[in-house]
Amino acid sequence: MKSLAMKAQRFLVSEDGPTAVEYAVMLALIVIVCLGAITTLGTKANTTFTNAGNALP
């Protein structure tokens, strides 16, 4: 039981766990922003090309 308590204490004191979580959260936010930007850009480009195509005789 003492070994388990020592391992838990070492894990809580270690900086590796929280750092990895912070990087994972940052990466997730970057991916979400990129997907939103790509979706918006694609929709606007589609509208622009559709309008240009309709304007042709």
PDB file of N, CA and C in Angstrom:
ATOM      1  N   MET A   1       0.825  -1.192   0.000  1.00  0.00           N
ATOM      2  CA  MET A   1       0.000   0.000   0.000  1.00  0.00           C
ATOM      3  C   MET A   1       0.866   1.252   0.000  1.00  0.00           C
ATOM      4  N   LYS A   2       1.984   1.189   0.696  1.00  0.00           N
ATOM      5  CA  LYS A   2       2.879   2.336   0.761  1.00  0.00           C
ATOM      6  C   LYS A   2       3.489   2.625  -0.611  1.00  0.00           C
ATOM      7  N   SER A   3       3.753   1.554  -1.374  1.00  0.00           N
ATOM      8  CA  SER A   3       4.310   1.713  -2.716  1.00  0.00           C
ATOM      9  C   SER A   3       3.319   2.447  -3.627  1.00  0.00           C
ATOM     10  N   LEU A   4       2.062   2.118  -3.509  1.00  0.00           N
ATOM     11  CA  LEU A   4       1.031   2.774  -4.309  1.00  0.00           C
ATOM     12  C   LEU A   4       0.933   4.252  -3.944  1.00  0.00           C
ATOM     13  N   ALA A   5       1.026   4.562  -2.671  1.00  0.00           N
ATOM     14  CA  ALA A   5       0.972   5.956  -2.227  1.00  0.00           C
ATOM     15  C   ALA A   5       2.181   6.724  -2.746  1.00  0.00           C
ATOM     16  N   MET A   6       3.338   6.096  -2.752  1.00  0.00           N
ATOM     17  CA  MET A   6       4.545   6.764  -3.254  1.00  0.00           C
ATOM     18  C   MET A   6       4.425   7.029  -4.759  1.00  0.00           C
ATOM     19  N   LYS A   7       3.891   6.051  -5.500  1.00  0.00           N
ATOM     20  CA  LYS A   7       3.710   6.233  -6.942  1.00  0.00           C
ATOM     21  C   LYS A   7       2.711   7.351  -7.229  1.00  0.00           C
ATOM     22  N   ALA A   8       1.637   7.400  -6.470  1.00  0.00           N
ATOM     23  CA  ALA A   8       0.635   8.450  -6.654  1.00  0.00           C
ATOM     24  C   ALA A   8       1.231   9.819  -6.341  1.00  0.00           C
ATOM     25  N   GLN A   9       2.026   9.900  -5.291  1.00  0.00           N
ATOM     26  CA  GLN A   9       2.652  11.167  -4.927  1.00  0.00           C
ATOM     27  C   GLN A   9       3.629  11.613  -6.013  1.00  0.00           C
ATOM     28  N   ARG A  10       4.420  10.688  -6.537  1.00  0.00           N
ATOM     29  CA  ARG A  10       5.363  11.017  -7.607  1.00  0.00           C
ATOM     30  C   ARG A  10       4.632  11.494  -8.867  1.00  0.00           C
ATOM     31  N   PHE A  11       3.509  10.852  -9.181  1.00  0.00           N
ATOM     32  CA  PHE A  11       2.727  11.250 -10.355  1.00  0.00           C
ATOM     33  C   PHE A  11       2.161  12.655 -10.181  1.00  0.00           C
ATOM     34  N   LEU A  12       1.669  12.971  -8.999  1.00  0.00           N
ATOM     35  CA  LEU A  12       1.079  14.286  -8.760  1.00  0.00           C
ATOM     36  C   LEU A  12       2.131  15.393  -8.747  1.00  0.00           C
ATOM     37  N   VAL A  13       3.327  15.087  -8.299  1.00  0.00           N
ATOM     38  CA  VAL A  13       4.398  16.081  -8.250  1.00  0.00           C
ATOM     39  C   VAL A  13       5.018  16.271  -9.636  1.00  0.00           C
ATOM     40  N   SER A  14       5.000  15.225 -10.454  1.00  0.00           N
ATOM     41  CA  SER A  14       5.612  15.279 -11.778  1.00  0.00           C
ATOM     42  C   SER A  14       4.935  16.325 -12.654  1.00  0.00           C
ATOM     43  N   GLU A  15       5.719  16.998 -13.476  1.00  0.00           N
ATOM     44  CA  GLU A  15       5.204  18.027 -14.379  1.00  0.00           C
ATOM     45  C   GLU A  15       4.867  17.468 -15.759  1.00  0.00           C
ATOM     46  N   ASP A  16       5.208  16.224 -16.037  1.00  0.00           N
ATOM     47  CA  ASP A  16       5.003  15.655 -17.368  1.00  0.00           C
ATOM     48  C   ASP A  16       3.524  15.470 -17.699  1.00  0.00           C
ATOM     49  N   GLY A  17       2.737  15.020 -16.746  1.00  0.00           N
ATOM     50  CA  GLY A  17       1.316  14.779 -16.988  1.00  0.00           C
ATOM     51  C   GLY A  17       0.561  16.047 -17.366  1.00  0.00           C
ATOM     52  N   PRO A  18       0.619  17.086 -16.533  1.00  0.00           N
ATOM     53  CA  PRO A  18      -0.105  18.319 -16.872  1.00  0.00           C
ATOM     54  C   PRO A  18       0.383  18.958 -18.160  1.00  0.00           C
ATOM     55  N   THR A  19       1.672  18.888 -18.441  1.00  0.00           N
ATOM     56  CA  THR A  19       2.201  19.480 -19.664  1.00  0.00           C
ATOM     57  C   THR A  19       1.625  18.775 -20.888  1.00  0.00           C
ATOM     58  N   ALA A  20       1.560  17.463 -20.854  1.00  0.00           N
ATOM     59  CA  ALA A  20       1.006  16.702 -21.969  1.00  0.00           C
ATOM     60  C   ALA A  20      -0.467  17.046 -22.164  1.00  0.00           C
ATOM     61  N   VAL A  21      -1.191  17.203 -21.084  1.00  0.00           N
ATOM     62  CA  VAL A  21      -2.611  17.558 -21.176  1.00  0.00           C
ATOM     63  C   VAL A  21      -2.767  18.947 -21.771  1.00  0.00           C
ATOM     64  N   GLU A  22      -1.928  19.879 -21.362  1.00  0.00           N
ATOM     65  CA  GLU A  22      -2.002  21.241 -21.902  1.00  0.00           C
ATOM     66  C   GLU A  22      -1.725  21.244 -23.405  1.00  0.00           C
ATOM     67  N   TYR A  23      -0.731  20.487 -23.832  1.00  0.00           N
ATOM     68  CA  TYR A  23      -0.430  20.410 -25.257  1.00  0.00           C
ATOM     69  C   TYR A  23      -1.582  19.763 -26.026  1.00  0.00           C
ATOM     70  N   ALA A  24      -2.197  18.756 -25.456  1.00  0.00           N
ATOM     71  CA  ALA A  24      -3.325  18.093 -26.117  1.00  0.00           C
ATOM     72  C   ALA A  24      -4.507  19.053 -26.263  1.00  0.00           C
ATOM     73  N   VAL A  25      -4.767  19.851 -25.233  1.00  0.00           N
ATOM     74  CA  VAL A  25      -5.866  20.818 -25.306  1.00  0.00           C
ATOM     75  C   VAL A  25      -5.558  21.883 -26.348  1.00  0.00           C
ATOM     76  N   MET A  26      -4.322  22.380 -26.365  1.00  0.00           N
ATOM     77  CA  MET A  26      -3.941  23.378 -27.369  1.00  0.00           C
ATOM     78  C   MET A  26      -4.089  22.820 -28.777  1.00  0.00           C
ATOM     79  N   LEU A  27      -3.639  21.593 -28.986  1.00  0.00           N
ATOM     80  CA  LEU A  27      -3.745  20.963 -30.301  1.00  0.00           C
ATOM     81  C   LEU A  27      -5.209  20.812 -30.709  1.00  0.00           C
ATOM     82  N   ALA A  28      -6.064  20.403 -29.783  1.00  0.00           N
ATOM     83  CA  ALA A  28      -7.485  20.251 -30.087  1.00  0.00           C
ATOM     84  C   ALA A  28      -8.097  21.596 -30.479  1.00  0.00           C
ATOM     85  N   LEU A  29      -7.753  22.659 -29.773  1.00  0.00           N
ATOM     86  CA  LEU A  29      -8.288  23.979 -30.101  1.00  0.00           C
ATOM     87  C   LEU A  29      -7.803  24.451 -31.468  1.00  0.00           C
ATOM     88  N   ILE A  30      -6.540  24.203 -31.777  1.00  0.00           N
ATOM     89  CA  ILE A  30      -6.001  24.595 -33.079  1.00  0.00           C
ATOM     90  C   ILE A  30      -6.724  23.840 -34.190  1.00  0.00           C
ATOM     91  N   VAL A  31      -6.958  22.549 -33.998  1.00  0.00           N
ATOM     92  CA  VAL A  31      -7.649  21.746 -35.007  1.00  0.00           C
ATOM     93  C   VAL A  31      -9.075  22.256 -35.210  1.00  0.00           C
ATOM     94  N   ILE A  32      -9.766  22.590 -34.119  1.00  0.00           N
ATOM     95  CA  ILE A  32     -11.136  23.091 -34.221  1.00  0.00           C
ATOM     96  C   ILE A  32     -11.178  24.411 -34.981  1.00  0.00           C
ATOM     97  N   VAL A  33     -10.255  25.314 -34.679  1.00  0.00           N
ATOM     98  CA  VAL A  33     -10.206  26.605 -35.377  1.00  0.00           C
ATOM     99  C   VAL A  33      -9.895  26.399 -36.860  1.00  0.00           C
ATOM    100  N   CYS A  34      -8.951  25.526 -37.165  1.00  0.00           N
ATOM    101  CA  CYS A  34      -8.606  25.261 -38.569  1.00  0.00           C
ATOM    102  C   CYS A  34      -9.786  24.663 -39.328  1.00  0.00           C
ATOM    103  N   LEU A  35     -10.485  23.723 -38.750  1.00  0.00           N
ATOM    104  CA  LEU A  35     -11.641  23.125 -39.414  1.00  0.00           C
ATOM    105  C   LEU A  35     -12.734  24.162 -39.646  1.00  0.00           C
ATOM    106  N   GLY A  36     -12.959  25.020 -38.671  1.00  0.00           N
ATOM    107  CA  GLY A  36     -13.954  26.080 -38.841  1.00  0.00           C
ATOM    108  C   GLY A  36     -13.570  27.039 -39.950  1.00  0.00           C
ATOM    109  N   ALA A  37     -12.296  27.411 -40.006  1.00  0.00           N
ATOM    110  CA  ALA A  37     -11.832  28.335 -41.043  1.00  0.00           C
ATOM    111  C   ALA A  37     -11.928  27.694 -42.422  1.00  0.00           C
ATOM    112  N   ILE A  38     -11.547  26.434 -42.533  1.00  0.00           N
ATOM    113  CA  ILE A  38     -11.604  25.742 -43.821  1.00  0.00           C
ATOM    114  C   ILE A  38     -13.054  25.598 -44.286  1.00  0.00           C
ATOM    115  N   THR A  39     -13.952  25.286 -43.374  1.00  0.00           N
ATOM    116  CA  THR A  39     -15.363  25.157 -43.725  1.00  0.00           C
ATOM    117  C   THR A  39     -15.926  26.480 -44.215  1.00  0.00           C
ATOM    118  N   THR A  40     -15.631  27.553 -43.491  1.00  0.00           N
ATOM    119  CA  THR A  40     -16.123  28.876 -43.882  1.00  0.00           C
ATOM    120  C   THR A  40     -15.542  29.293 -45.222  1.00  0.00           C
ATOM    121  N   LEU A  41     -14.259  29.090 -45.391  1.00  0.00           N
ATOM    122  CA  LEU A  41     -13.601  29.456 -46.649  1.00  0.00           C
ATOM    123  C   LEU A  41     -14.172  28.647 -47.812  1.00  0.00           C
ATOM    124  N   GLY A  42     -14.401  27.372 -47.611  1.00  0.00           N
ATOM    125  CA  GLY A  42     -14.962  26.523 -48.660  1.00  0.00           C
ATOM    126  C   GLY A  42     -16.360  26.947 -49.047  1.00  0.00           C
ATOM    127  N   THR A  43     -17.181  27.298 -48.066  1.00  0.00           N
ATOM    128  CA  THR A  43     -18.537  27.742 -48.346  1.00  0.00           C
ATOM    129  C   THR A  43     -18.534  29.043 -49.136  1.00  0.00           C
ATOM    130  N   LYS A  44     -17.678  29.976 -48.730  1.00  0.00           N
ATOM    131  CA  LYS A  44     -17.607  31.258 -49.434  1.00  0.00           C
ATOM    132  C   LYS A  44     -17.062  31.077 -50.848  1.00  0.00           C
ATOM    133  N   ALA A  45     -16.083  30.212 -51.023  1.00  0.00           N
ATOM    134  CA  ALA A  45     -15.533  29.959 -52.355  1.00  0.00           C
ATOM    135  C   ALA A  45     -16.581  29.313 -53.246  1.00  0.00           C
ATOM    136  N   ASN A  46     -17.346  28.381 -52.701  1.00  0.00           N
ATOM    137  CA  ASN A  46     -18.405  27.733 -53.469  1.00  0.00           C
ATOM    138  C   ASN A  46     -19.446  28.756 -53.916  1.00  0.00           C
ATOM    139  N   THR A  47     -19.830  29.650 -53.018  1.00  0.00           N
ATOM    140  CA  THR A  47     -20.797  30.695 -53.369  1.00  0.00           C
ATOM    141  C   THR A  47     -20.245  31.602 -54.458  1.00  0.00           C
ATOM    142  N   THR A  48     -18.980  31.972 -54.342  1.00  0.00           N
ATOM    143  CA  THR A  48     -18.362  32.851 -55.340  1.00  0.00           C
ATOM    144  C   THR A  48     -18.334  32.191 -56.716  1.00  0.00           C
ATOM    145  N   PHE A  49     -17.922  30.928 -56.781  1.00  0.00           N
ATOM    146  CA  PHE A  49     -17.858  30.234 -58.062  1.00  0.00           C
ATOM    147  C   PHE A  49     -19.253  29.991 -58.641  1.00  0.00           C
ATOM    148  N   THR A  50     -20.230  29.732 -57.791  1.00  0.00           N
ATOM    149  CA  THR A  50     -21.594  29.562 -58.257  1.00  0.00           C
ATOM    150  C   THR A  50     -22.129  30.863 -58.858  1.00  0.00           C
ATOM    151  N   ASN A  51     -21.886  31.979 -58.187  1.00  0.00           N
ATOM    152  CA  ASN A  51     -22.324  33.275 -58.701  1.00  0.00           C
ATOM    153  C   ASN A  51     -21.622  33.602 -60.024  1.00  0.00           C
ATOM    154  N   ALA A  52     -20.345  33.305 -60.099  1.00  0.00           N
ATOM    155  CA  ALA A  52     -19.604  33.575 -61.340  1.00  0.00           C
ATOM    156  C   ALA A  52     -20.112  32.691 -62.470  1.00  0.00           C
ATOM    157  N   GLY A  53     -20.405  31.428 -62.163  1.00  0.00           N
ATOM    158  CA  GLY A  53     -20.933  30.521 -63.173  1.00  0.00           C
ATOM    159  C   GLY A  53     -22.311  30.947 -63.664  1.00  0.00           C
ATOM    160  N   ASN A  54     -23.141  31.435 -62.766  1.00  0.00           N
ATOM    161  CA  ASN A  54     -24.476  31.889 -63.144  1.00  0.00           C
ATOM    162  C   ASN A  54     -24.435  33.178 -63.952  1.00  0.00           C
ATOM    163  N   ALA A  55     -23.401  33.983 -63.756  1.00  0.00           N
ATOM    164  CA  ALA A  55     -23.286  35.251 -64.465  1.00  0.00           C
ATOM    165  C   ALA A  55     -22.827  35.065 -65.917  1.00  0.00           C
ATOM    166  N   LEU A  56     -22.243  33.925 -66.216  1.00  0.00           N
ATOM    167  CA  LEU A  56     -21.801  33.657 -67.593  1.00  0.00           C
ATOM    168  C   LEU A  56     -23.007  33.395 -68.480  1.00  0.00           C
ATOM    169  N   PRO A  57     -22.922  33.825 -69.747  1.00  0.00           N
ATOM    170  CA  PRO A  57     -24.065  33.602 -70.646  1.00  0.00           C
ATOM    171  C   PRO A  57     -24.232  32.144 -71.039  1.00  0.00           C
TER     172      PRO A  57
END
